[in-house]
Protein backbone atom coordinates (compact mmCIF):
# COMPACT_ATOMS: atom_id res chain seq x y z
CA MET A 1 100.13 75.44 112.42
CA ARG A 2 100.60 75.82 108.65
CA LEU A 3 102.44 78.85 107.19
CA ALA A 4 100.74 80.85 104.46
CA GLU A 5 101.93 80.37 100.90
CA PRO A 6 103.83 83.32 99.42
CA THR A 7 101.75 85.37 97.00
CA SER A 8 104.68 86.52 94.89
CA LYS A 9 106.59 84.45 92.35
CA PHE A 10 109.54 84.70 90.01
CA ILE A 11 108.82 84.95 86.30
CA LYS A 12 110.96 83.87 83.41
CA LEU A 13 110.69 86.35 80.54
CA ARG A 14 111.97 86.66 76.98
CA CYS A 15 112.82 90.09 75.61
CA THR A 16 110.82 90.84 72.53
CA LYS A 17 113.69 92.85 71.01
CA CYS A 18 116.81 90.63 71.46
CA LYS A 19 115.26 87.32 72.67
CA ASN A 20 117.32 87.30 75.86
CA GLU A 21 115.80 85.23 78.64
CA GLN A 22 115.78 86.68 82.12
CA ILE A 23 114.23 85.80 85.51
CA ILE A 24 112.55 88.66 87.43
CA PHE A 25 110.56 89.04 90.64
CA GLY A 26 106.75 89.23 89.88
CA LYS A 27 106.28 92.34 92.05
CA PRO A 28 109.09 94.64 91.01
CA THR A 29 109.69 97.92 92.86
CA THR A 30 111.73 99.47 90.01
CA LYS A 31 111.74 99.35 86.23
CA ILE A 32 113.43 96.11 85.01
CA GLN A 33 115.59 96.36 81.96
CA CYS A 34 116.90 93.64 79.60
CA LEU A 35 120.50 92.95 80.61
CA VAL A 36 121.55 92.79 76.90
CA CYS A 37 119.63 95.54 75.04
CA GLU A 38 118.25 97.60 77.90
CA LYS A 39 114.60 97.47 76.76
CA ILE A 40 112.09 97.85 79.64
CA LEU A 41 110.76 94.33 80.49
CA ALA A 42 108.57 95.23 83.50
CA GLU A 43 107.39 98.24 85.42
CA PRO A 44 106.06 98.54 89.01
CA THR A 45 102.42 99.19 89.56
CA GLY A 46 102.13 99.01 93.38
CA GLY A 47 101.38 95.29 93.21
CA LYS A 48 102.10 92.90 90.41
CA GLY A 49 104.35 94.35 87.83
CA ARG A 50 103.25 95.40 84.29
CA VAL A 51 105.14 92.91 82.07
CA LYS A 52 106.24 94.19 78.64
CA ALA A 53 107.92 91.00 77.47
CA ARG A 54 106.89 87.46 76.69
CA ILE A 55 106.27 85.32 79.78
CA LEU A 56 107.87 81.91 79.37
CA GLU A 57 107.29 80.38 82.74
CA VAL A 58 106.10 81.21 86.32
CA LEU A 59 108.58 79.65 88.76
CA GLU A 60 107.35 78.17 92.07
């Protein structure tokens, strides 16, 4: 029996304001802020998050 693959992933983002790189969960349940300048990077939508930063990489 094979287990199902997870549908959620981690995402590496770059803040558009201060260029800080940060890894977040792809389905956030709260607003995610940049750890340096506190700009909102992602918001929850009930499923996949609405990303407001540059996506650098989707991590497996």
